[in-house]
PDB file of all heavy atoms in Angstrom:
ATOM      1  N   VAL A   1       0.218  14.655 -14.991  1.00  0.00           N
ATOM      2  CA  VAL A   1       0.743  15.763 -14.417  1.00  0.00           C
ATOM      3  C   VAL A   1       0.783  15.311 -12.882  1.00  0.00           C
ATOM      4  O   VAL A   1      -0.089  14.805 -12.273  1.00  0.00           O
ATOM      5  CB  VAL A   1      -0.139  17.017 -14.424  1.00  0.00           C
ATOM      6  CG1 VAL A   1       0.306  18.142 -13.560  1.00  0.00           C
ATOM      7  CG2 VAL A   1      -0.240  17.495 -15.924  1.00  0.00           C
ATOM      8  N   PHE A   2       2.061  15.579 -12.336  1.00  0.00           N
ATOM      9  CA  PHE A   2       2.323  15.046 -10.884  1.00  0.00           C
ATOM     10  C   PHE A   2       3.455  15.816 -10.254  1.00  0.00           C
ATOM     11  O   PHE A   2       4.180  16.598 -10.885  1.00  0.00           O
ATOM     12  CB  PHE A   2       2.752  13.653 -10.974  1.00  0.00           C
ATOM     13  CG  PHE A   2       3.977  13.317 -11.868  1.00  0.00           C
ATOM     14  CD1 PHE A   2       5.195  13.303 -11.289  1.00  0.00           C
ATOM     15  CD2 PHE A   2       3.747  13.118 -13.221  1.00  0.00           C
ATOM     16  CE1 PHE A   2       6.334  13.123 -12.188  1.00  0.00           C
ATOM     17  CE2 PHE A   2       4.905  12.982 -14.044  1.00  0.00           C
ATOM     18  CZ  PHE A   2       6.150  12.829 -13.494  1.00  0.00           C
ATOM     19  N   PRO A   3       3.523  15.743  -8.888  1.00  0.00           N
ATOM     20  CA  PRO A   3       4.511  16.444  -8.223  1.00  0.00           C
ATOM     21  C   PRO A   3       5.920  15.839  -8.516  1.00  0.00           C
ATOM     22  O   PRO A   3       5.999  14.615  -8.612  1.00  0.00           O
ATOM     23  CB  PRO A   3       4.203  16.284  -6.729  1.00  0.00           C
ATOM     24  CG  PRO A   3       2.835  15.818  -6.664  1.00  0.00           C
ATOM     25  CD  PRO A   3       2.629  15.110  -8.025  1.00  0.00           C
ATOM     26  N   VAL A   4       6.994  16.583  -8.601  1.00  0.00           N
ATOM     27  CA  VAL A   4       8.370  16.166  -9.017  1.00  0.00           C
ATOM     28  C   VAL A   4       8.896  15.320  -7.893  1.00  0.00           C
ATOM     29  O   VAL A   4       9.754  14.460  -8.027  1.00  0.00           O
ATOM     30  CB  VAL A   4       9.257  17.193  -9.325  1.00  0.00           C
ATOM     31  CG1 VAL A   4       8.762  17.936 -10.624  1.00  0.00           C
ATOM     32  CG2 VAL A   4       9.503  18.176  -8.239  1.00  0.00           C
ATOM     33  N   ASP A   5       8.403  15.484  -6.606  1.00  0.00           N
ATOM     34  CA  ASP A   5       8.807  14.668  -5.525  1.00  0.00           C
ATOM     35  C   ASP A   5       8.521  13.152  -5.754  1.00  0.00           C
ATOM     36  O   ASP A   5       9.097  12.272  -5.091  1.00  0.00           O
ATOM     37  CB  ASP A   5       8.151  15.082  -4.188  1.00  0.00           C
ATOM     38  CG  ASP A   5       8.634  16.460  -3.748  1.00  0.00           C
ATOM     39  OD1 ASP A   5       9.703  16.840  -4.220  1.00  0.00           O
ATOM     40  OD2 ASP A   5       7.938  17.137  -3.038  1.00  0.00           O
ATOM     41  N   GLU A   6       7.588  12.815  -6.572  1.00  0.00           N
ATOM     42  CA  GLU A   6       7.300  11.402  -6.949  1.00  0.00           C
ATOM     43  C   GLU A   6       8.334  10.722  -7.771  1.00  0.00           C
ATOM     44  O   GLU A   6       8.423   9.599  -7.937  1.00  0.00           O
ATOM     45  CB  GLU A   6       5.882  11.248  -7.683  1.00  0.00           C
ATOM     46  CG  GLU A   6       4.717  11.570  -6.763  1.00  0.00           C
ATOM     47  CD  GLU A   6       3.419  11.404  -7.513  1.00  0.00           C
ATOM     48  OE1 GLU A   6       3.426  10.803  -8.635  1.00  0.00           O
ATOM     49  OE2 GLU A   6       2.382  11.796  -7.001  1.00  0.00           O
ATOM     50  N   GLY A   7       9.255  11.627  -8.429  1.00  0.00           N
ATOM     51  CA  GLY A   7      10.203  11.222  -9.307  1.00  0.00           C
ATOM     52  C   GLY A   7       9.791  11.191 -10.765  1.00  0.00           C
ATOM     53  O   GLY A   7       8.697  10.733 -11.112  1.00  0.00           O
ATOM     54  N   ILE A   8      10.592  11.746 -11.620  1.00  0.00           N
ATOM     55  CA  ILE A   8      10.300  11.798 -13.053  1.00  0.00           C
ATOM     56  C   ILE A   8      11.011  10.672 -13.819  1.00  0.00           C
ATOM     57  O   ILE A   8      12.190  10.587 -13.771  1.00  0.00           O
ATOM     58  CB  ILE A   8      10.795  13.149 -13.721  1.00  0.00           C
ATOM     59  CG1 ILE A   8      10.293  14.383 -12.896  1.00  0.00           C
ATOM     60  CG2 ILE A   8      10.370  13.339 -15.143  1.00  0.00           C
ATOM     61  CD1 ILE A   8      11.026  15.617 -13.173  1.00  0.00           C
ATOM     62  N   ASP A   9      10.174   9.759 -14.263  1.00  0.00           N
ATOM     63  CA  ASP A   9      10.812   8.555 -15.093  1.00  0.00           C
ATOM     64  C   ASP A   9      11.054   9.050 -16.440  1.00  0.00           C
ATOM     65  O   ASP A   9      10.167   9.062 -17.341  1.00  0.00           O
ATOM     66  CB  ASP A   9       9.605   7.525 -15.026  1.00  0.00           C
ATOM     67  CG  ASP A   9      10.231   6.159 -15.489  1.00  0.00           C
ATOM     68  OD1 ASP A   9      11.298   6.133 -16.105  1.00  0.00           O
ATOM     69  OD2 ASP A   9       9.551   5.082 -15.342  1.00  0.00           O
ATOM     70  N   PHE A  10      12.338   9.303 -16.720  1.00  0.00           N
ATOM     71  CA  PHE A  10      12.724   9.925 -17.985  1.00  0.00           C
ATOM     72  C   PHE A  10      14.136   9.559 -18.229  1.00  0.00           C
ATOM     73  O   PHE A  10      14.972   9.537 -17.314  1.00  0.00           O
ATOM     74  CB  PHE A  10      12.504  11.427 -17.823  1.00  0.00           C
ATOM     75  CG  PHE A  10      12.642  12.234 -19.213  1.00  0.00           C
ATOM     76  CD1 PHE A  10      11.958  11.893 -20.332  1.00  0.00           C
ATOM     77  CD2 PHE A  10      13.289  13.408 -19.295  1.00  0.00           C
ATOM     78  CE1 PHE A  10      12.108  12.547 -21.539  1.00  0.00           C
ATOM     79  CE2 PHE A  10      13.478  14.132 -20.410  1.00  0.00           C
ATOM     80  CZ  PHE A  10      12.763  13.715 -21.494  1.00  0.00           C
ATOM     81  N   LEU A  11      14.482   9.261 -19.565  1.00  0.00           N
ATOM     82  CA  LEU A  11      15.834   9.000 -19.985  1.00  0.00           C
ATOM     83  C   LEU A  11      16.566   7.788 -19.367  1.00  0.00           C
ATOM     84  O   LEU A  11      17.705   7.683 -19.289  1.00  0.00           O
ATOM     85  CB  LEU A  11      16.710  10.295 -19.714  1.00  0.00           C
ATOM     86  CG  LEU A  11      16.208  11.707 -20.125  1.00  0.00           C
ATOM     87  CD1 LEU A  11      17.084  12.853 -19.471  1.00  0.00           C
ATOM     88  CD2 LEU A  11      16.246  11.766 -21.656  1.00  0.00           C
ATOM     89  N   GLY A  12      15.648   6.950 -18.871  1.00  0.00           N
ATOM     90  CA  GLY A  12      16.254   5.652 -18.336  1.00  0.00           C
ATOM     91  C   GLY A  12      16.521   5.892 -16.758  1.00  0.00           C
ATOM     92  O   GLY A  12      16.996   4.940 -16.205  1.00  0.00           O
ATOM     93  N   TYR A  13      16.122   6.972 -16.225  1.00  0.00           N
ATOM     94  CA  TYR A  13      16.326   7.236 -14.765  1.00  0.00           C
ATOM     95  C   TYR A  13      15.076   7.669 -14.188  1.00  0.00           C
ATOM     96  O   TYR A  13      14.039   8.038 -14.827  1.00  0.00           O
ATOM     97  CB  TYR A  13      17.399   8.223 -14.648  1.00  0.00           C
ATOM     98  CG  TYR A  13      18.731   7.890 -15.125  1.00  0.00           C
ATOM     99  CD1 TYR A  13      19.153   8.231 -16.452  1.00  0.00           C
ATOM    100  CD2 TYR A  13      19.606   7.298 -14.275  1.00  0.00           C
ATOM    101  CE1 TYR A  13      20.363   7.865 -16.969  1.00  0.00           C
ATOM    102  CE2 TYR A  13      20.929   7.005 -14.837  1.00  0.00           C
ATOM    103  CZ  TYR A  13      21.278   7.289 -16.134  1.00  0.00           C
ATOM    104  OH  TYR A  13      22.530   6.997 -16.561  1.00  0.00           O
ATOM    105  N   VAL A  14      15.024   7.670 -12.859  1.00  0.00           N
ATOM    106  CA  VAL A  14      13.905   8.319 -12.065  1.00  0.00           C
ATOM    107  C   VAL A  14      14.658   9.514 -11.370  1.00  0.00           C
ATOM    108  O   VAL A  14      15.402   9.344 -10.464  1.00  0.00           O
ATOM    109  CB  VAL A  14      13.272   7.386 -11.043  1.00  0.00           C
ATOM    110  CG1 VAL A  14      12.071   8.073 -10.422  1.00  0.00           C
ATOM    111  CG2 VAL A  14      12.714   6.132 -11.777  1.00  0.00           C
ATOM    112  N   ILE A  15      14.191  10.725 -11.851  1.00  0.00           N
ATOM    113  CA  ILE A  15      14.881  11.982 -11.507  1.00  0.00           C
ATOM    114  C   ILE A  15      14.124  12.637 -10.372  1.00  0.00           C
ATOM    115  O   ILE A  15      12.947  13.060 -10.493  1.00  0.00           O
ATOM    116  CB  ILE A  15      15.123  12.975 -12.687  1.00  0.00           C
ATOM    117  CG1 ILE A  15      15.801  12.189 -13.795  1.00  0.00           C
ATOM    118  CG2 ILE A  15      15.816  14.161 -12.301  1.00  0.00           C
ATOM    119  CD1 ILE A  15      15.759  12.933 -15.165  1.00  0.00           C
ATOM    120  N   TYR A  16      14.785  12.806  -9.202  1.00  0.00           N
ATOM    121  CA  TYR A  16      14.146  13.543  -8.058  1.00  0.00           C
ATOM    122  C   TYR A  16      14.931  14.821  -7.908  1.00  0.00           C
ATOM    123  O   TYR A  16      15.988  15.018  -8.435  1.00  0.00           O
ATOM    124  CB  TYR A  16      14.283  12.669  -6.706  1.00  0.00           C
ATOM    125  CG  TYR A  16      13.589  11.415  -6.776  1.00  0.00           C
ATOM    126  CD1 TYR A  16      14.152  10.296  -7.200  1.00  0.00           C
ATOM    127  CD2 TYR A  16      12.218  11.345  -6.260  1.00  0.00           C
ATOM    128  CE1 TYR A  16      13.467   9.033  -7.248  1.00  0.00           C
ATOM    129  CE2 TYR A  16      11.558  10.053  -6.219  1.00  0.00           C
ATOM    130  CZ  TYR A  16      12.251   9.011  -6.755  1.00  0.00           C
ATOM    131  OH  TYR A  16      11.505   7.805  -6.760  1.00  0.00           O
ATOM    132  N   PRO A  17      14.278  15.817  -7.131  1.00  0.00           N
ATOM    133  CA  PRO A  17      14.940  17.114  -6.985  1.00  0.00           C
ATOM    134  C   PRO A  17      16.361  17.101  -6.448  1.00  0.00           C
ATOM    135  O   PRO A  17      17.272  17.926  -6.735  1.00  0.00           O
ATOM    136  CB  PRO A  17      13.980  17.896  -6.060  1.00  0.00           C
ATOM    137  CG  PRO A  17      12.704  17.235  -6.302  1.00  0.00           C
ATOM    138  CD  PRO A  17      12.930  15.862  -6.558  1.00  0.00           C
ATOM    139  N   ASP A  18      16.626  16.098  -5.467  1.00  0.00           N
ATOM    140  CA  ASP A  18      17.960  15.930  -4.812  1.00  0.00           C
ATOM    141  C   ASP A  18      18.744  14.706  -5.090  1.00  0.00           C
ATOM    142  O   ASP A  18      19.779  14.558  -4.552  1.00  0.00           O
ATOM    143  CB  ASP A  18      17.693  16.131  -3.315  1.00  0.00           C
ATOM    144  CG  ASP A  18      16.766  15.113  -2.771  1.00  0.00           C
ATOM    145  OD1 ASP A  18      16.124  14.302  -3.579  1.00  0.00           O
ATOM    146  OD2 ASP A  18      16.541  15.019  -1.531  1.00  0.00           O
ATOM    147  N   HIS A  19      18.212  13.841  -5.906  1.00  0.00           N
ATOM    148  CA  HIS A  19      18.975  12.590  -6.362  1.00  0.00           C
ATOM    149  C   HIS A  19      18.441  12.000  -7.560  1.00  0.00           C
ATOM    150  O   HIS A  19      17.368  12.210  -7.971  1.00  0.00           O
ATOM    151  CB  HIS A  19      19.011  11.618  -5.178  1.00  0.00           C
ATOM    152  CG  HIS A  19      17.751  10.931  -4.813  1.00  0.00           C
ATOM    153  ND1 HIS A  19      16.736  11.676  -4.141  1.00  0.00           N
ATOM    154  CD2 HIS A  19      17.294   9.651  -4.970  1.00  0.00           C
ATOM    155  CE1 HIS A  19      15.761  10.839  -3.933  1.00  0.00           C
ATOM    156  NE2 HIS A  19      15.949   9.651  -4.466  1.00  0.00           N
ATOM    157  N   VAL A  20      19.186  10.993  -8.014  1.00  0.00           N
ATOM    158  CA  VAL A  20      18.697  10.216  -9.328  1.00  0.00           C
ATOM    159  C   VAL A  20      18.875   8.714  -9.029  1.00  0.00           C
ATOM    160  O   VAL A  20      19.918   8.298  -8.504  1.00  0.00           O
ATOM    161  CB  VAL A  20      19.716  10.732 -10.559  1.00  0.00           C
ATOM    162  CG1 VAL A  20      19.159   9.895 -11.757  1.00  0.00           C
ATOM    163  CG2 VAL A  20      19.563  12.203 -10.727  1.00  0.00           C
ATOM    164  N   MET A  21      17.863   8.017  -9.472  1.00  0.00           N
ATOM    165  CA  MET A  21      17.880   6.569  -9.370  1.00  0.00           C
ATOM    166  C   MET A  21      17.774   5.962 -10.758  1.00  0.00           C
ATOM    167  O   MET A  21      17.152   6.487 -11.692  1.00  0.00           O
ATOM    168  CB  MET A  21      16.737   6.052  -8.504  1.00  0.00           C
ATOM    169  CG  MET A  21      16.646   6.612  -7.074  1.00  0.00           C
ATOM    170  SD  MET A  21      18.147   6.250  -6.123  1.00  0.00           S
ATOM    171  CE  MET A  21      17.960   4.499  -5.878  1.00  0.00           C
ATOM    172  N   LEU A  22      18.263   4.741 -10.882  1.00  0.00           N
ATOM    173  CA  LEU A  22      18.038   4.025 -12.149  1.00  0.00           C
ATOM    174  C   LEU A  22      16.604   3.511 -12.280  1.00  0.00           C
ATOM    175  O   LEU A  22      15.940   3.115 -11.259  1.00  0.00           O
ATOM    176  CB  LEU A  22      18.979   2.866 -12.240  1.00  0.00           C
ATOM    177  CG  LEU A  22      20.379   3.108 -12.783  1.00  0.00           C
ATOM    178  CD1 LEU A  22      21.223   1.764 -12.690  1.00  0.00           C
ATOM    179  CD2 LEU A  22      20.355   3.481 -14.231  1.00  0.00           C
ATOM    180  N   ARG A  23      16.105   3.589 -13.587  1.00  0.00           N
ATOM    181  CA  ARG A  23      14.807   3.060 -13.853  1.00  0.00           C
ATOM    182  C   ARG A  23      14.702   1.468 -13.416  1.00  0.00           C
ATOM    183  O   ARG A  23      15.697   0.718 -13.602  1.00  0.00           O
ATOM    184  CB  ARG A  23      14.409   3.172 -15.192  1.00  0.00           C
ATOM    185  CG  ARG A  23      13.062   2.621 -15.543  1.00  0.00           C
ATOM    186  CD  ARG A  23      12.884   2.736 -17.136  1.00  0.00           C
ATOM    187  NE  ARG A  23      12.324   4.136 -17.468  1.00  0.00           N
ATOM    188  CZ  ARG A  23      12.353   4.553 -18.701  1.00  0.00           C
ATOM    189  NH1 ARG A  23      12.557   3.832 -19.716  1.00  0.00           N
ATOM    190  NH2 ARG A  23      11.818   5.876 -18.869  1.00  0.00           N
ATOM    191  N   LYS A  24      13.664   1.044 -12.758  1.00  0.00           N
ATOM    192  CA  LYS A  24      13.473  -0.277 -12.259  1.00  0.00           C
ATOM    193  C   LYS A  24      13.834  -1.323 -13.263  1.00  0.00           C
ATOM    194  O   LYS A  24      14.399  -2.387 -13.074  1.00  0.00           O
ATOM    195  CB  LYS A  24      12.121  -0.431 -11.662  1.00  0.00           C
ATOM    196  CG  LYS A  24      11.941  -1.845 -10.931  1.00  0.00           C
ATOM    197  CD  LYS A  24      10.472  -1.848 -10.227  1.00  0.00           C
ATOM    198  CE  LYS A  24      10.298  -3.142  -9.679  1.00  0.00           C
ATOM    199  NZ  LYS A  24       8.865  -3.276  -9.033  1.00  0.00           N
ATOM    200  N   ARG A  25      13.159  -1.017 -14.529  1.00  0.00           N
ATOM    201  CA  ARG A  25      13.276  -2.076 -15.649  1.00  0.00           C
ATOM    202  C   ARG A  25      14.786  -2.317 -15.996  1.00  0.00           C
ATOM    203  O   ARG A  25      15.147  -3.394 -16.335  1.00  0.00           O
ATOM    204  CB  ARG A  25      12.502  -1.513 -16.807  1.00  0.00           C
ATOM    205  CG  ARG A  25      12.352  -2.543 -17.912  1.00  0.00           C
ATOM    206  CD  ARG A  25      11.733  -1.853 -19.153  1.00  0.00           C
ATOM    207  NE  ARG A  25      10.532  -1.134 -18.849  1.00  0.00           N
ATOM    208  CZ  ARG A  25      10.148  -0.067 -19.626  1.00  0.00           C
ATOM    209  NH1 ARG A  25      10.833   0.186 -20.720  1.00  0.00           N
ATOM    210  NH2 ARG A  25       9.133   0.577 -19.319  1.00  0.00           N
ATOM    211  N   ILE A  26      15.623  -1.189 -15.933  1.00  0.00           N
ATOM    212  CA  ILE A  26      16.940  -1.327 -16.289  1.00  0.00           C
ATOM    213  C   ILE A  26      17.732  -2.240 -15.255  1.00  0.00           C
ATOM    214  O   ILE A  26      18.565  -3.065 -15.595  1.00  0.00           O
ATOM    215  CB  ILE A  26      17.714   0.035 -16.380  1.00  0.00           C
ATOM    216  CG1 ILE A  26      17.179   0.720 -17.618  1.00  0.00           C
ATOM    217  CG2 ILE A  26      19.255  -0.108 -16.507  1.00  0.00           C
ATOM    218  CD1 ILE A  26      17.615   2.183 -17.837  1.00  0.00           C
ATOM    219  N   LYS A  27      17.382  -2.054 -13.957  1.00  0.00           N
ATOM    220  CA  LYS A  27      18.017  -2.838 -12.946  1.00  0.00           C
ATOM    221  C   LYS A  27      17.619  -4.318 -13.126  1.00  0.00           C
ATOM    222  O   LYS A  27      18.410  -5.137 -12.926  1.00  0.00           O
ATOM    223  CB  LYS A  27      17.601  -2.290 -11.495  1.00  0.00           C
ATOM    224  CG  LYS A  27      18.091  -0.965 -11.199  1.00  0.00           C
ATOM    225  CD  LYS A  27      17.778  -0.458  -9.753  1.00  0.00           C
ATOM    226  CE  LYS A  27      16.310   0.044  -9.757  1.00  0.00           C
ATOM    227  NZ  LYS A  27      15.944   0.672  -8.450  1.00  0.00           N
ATOM    228  N   GLN A  28      16.378  -4.532 -13.323  1.00  0.00           N
ATOM    229  CA  GLN A  28      15.860  -5.876 -13.443  1.00  0.00           C
ATOM    230  C   GLN A  28      16.466  -6.550 -14.719  1.00  0.00           C
ATOM    231  O   GLN A  28      16.948  -7.785 -14.548  1.00  0.00           O
ATOM    232  CB  GLN A  28      14.369  -5.903 -13.614  1.00  0.00           C
ATOM    233  CG  GLN A  28      13.676  -5.493 -12.297  1.00  0.00           C
ATOM    234  CD  GLN A  28      12.144  -5.372 -12.510  1.00  0.00           C
ATOM    235  OE1 GLN A  28      11.600  -5.134 -13.558  1.00  0.00           O
ATOM    236  NE2 GLN A  28      11.345  -5.562 -11.528  1.00  0.00           N
ATOM    237  N   LYS A  29      16.573  -5.849 -15.804  1.00  0.00           N
ATOM    238  CA  LYS A  29      17.188  -6.432 -17.004  1.00  0.00           C
ATOM    239  C   LYS A  29      18.548  -6.866 -16.841  1.00  0.00           C
ATOM    240  O   LYS A  29      19.080  -7.901 -17.329  1.00  0.00           O
ATOM    241  CB  LYS A  29      17.046  -5.459 -18.159  1.00  0.00           C
ATOM    242  CG  LYS A  29      17.449  -6.017 -19.561  1.00  0.00           C
ATOM    243  CD  LYS A  29      17.251  -4.930 -20.601  1.00  0.00           C
ATOM    244  CE  LYS A  29      17.699  -5.469 -21.892  1.00  0.00           C
ATOM    245  NZ  LYS A  29      17.534  -4.403 -22.999  1.00  0.00           N
ATOM    246  N   PHE A  30      19.384  -5.939 -16.180  1.00  0.00           N
ATOM    247  CA  PHE A  30      20.787  -6.170 -15.956  1.00  0.00           C
ATOM    248  C   PHE A  30      20.962  -7.343 -14.929  1.00  0.00           C
ATOM    249  O   PHE A  30      21.820  -8.314 -15.211  1.00  0.00           O
ATOM    250  CB  PHE A  30      21.497  -4.977 -15.290  1.00  0.00           C
ATOM    251  CG  PHE A  30      22.858  -5.260 -14.970  1.00  0.00           C
ATOM    252  CD1 PHE A  30      23.903  -5.326 -15.906  1.00  0.00           C
ATOM    253  CD2 PHE A  30      23.309  -5.324 -13.512  1.00  0.00           C
ATOM    254  CE1 PHE A  30      25.200  -5.649 -15.406  1.00  0.00           C
ATOM    255  CE2 PHE A  30      24.568  -5.664 -13.158  1.00  0.00           C
ATOM    256  CZ  PHE A  30      25.536  -5.722 -14.085  1.00  0.00           C
ATOM    257  N   ALA A  31      20.112  -7.482 -13.939  1.00  0.00           N
ATOM    258  CA  ALA A  31      20.219  -8.595 -12.975  1.00  0.00           C
ATOM    259  C   ALA A  31      19.948  -9.909 -13.577  1.00  0.00           C
ATOM    260  O   ALA A  31      20.605 -10.944 -13.353  1.00  0.00           O
ATOM    261  CB  ALA A  31      19.239  -8.329 -11.793  1.00  0.00           C
ATOM    262  N   ARG A  32      18.932  -9.899 -14.455  1.00  0.00           N
ATOM    263  CA  ARG A  32      18.585 -11.164 -15.154  1.00  0.00           C
ATOM    264  C   ARG A  32      19.672 -11.570 -16.089  1.00  0.00           C
ATOM    265  O   ARG A  32      20.072 -12.772 -16.195  1.00  0.00           O
ATOM    266  CB  ARG A  32      17.351 -10.916 -16.112  1.00  0.00           C
ATOM    267  CG  ARG A  32      15.937 -11.179 -15.272  1.00  0.00           C
ATOM    268  CD  ARG A  32      14.815 -11.379 -16.225  1.00  0.00           C
ATOM    269  NE  ARG A  32      14.576 -10.217 -17.082  1.00  0.00           N
ATOM    270  CZ  ARG A  32      13.785  -9.155 -16.783  1.00  0.00           C
ATOM    271  NH1 ARG A  32      13.181  -9.142 -15.669  1.00  0.00           N
ATOM    272  NH2 ARG A  32      13.689  -8.107 -17.602  1.00  0.00           N
ATOM    273  N   LYS A  33      20.267 -10.666 -16.826  1.00  0.00           N
ATOM    274  CA  LYS A  33      21.458 -10.963 -17.766  1.00  0.00           C
ATOM    275  C   LYS A  33      22.662 -11.420 -16.950  1.00  0.00           C
ATOM    276  O   LYS A  33      23.378 -12.464 -17.419  1.00  0.00           O
ATOM    277  CB  LYS A  33      21.883  -9.720 -18.463  1.00  0.00           C
ATOM    278  CG  LYS A  33      20.951  -9.205 -19.652  1.00  0.00           C
ATOM    279  CD  LYS A  33      21.112 -10.119 -20.848  1.00  0.00           C
ATOM    280  CE  LYS A  33      20.351  -9.680 -22.033  1.00  0.00           C
ATOM    281  NZ  LYS A  33      20.483 -10.689 -23.255  1.00  0.00           N
TER     282      LYS A  33
END
């Protein structure tokens, strides 16, 4: 249980109240490929 301001790691994204970021693992995997 945590504040949403920390970002919700869900569905392959990190979801914040005002923006969405890609999950770190997805970025790393793509960069390696």
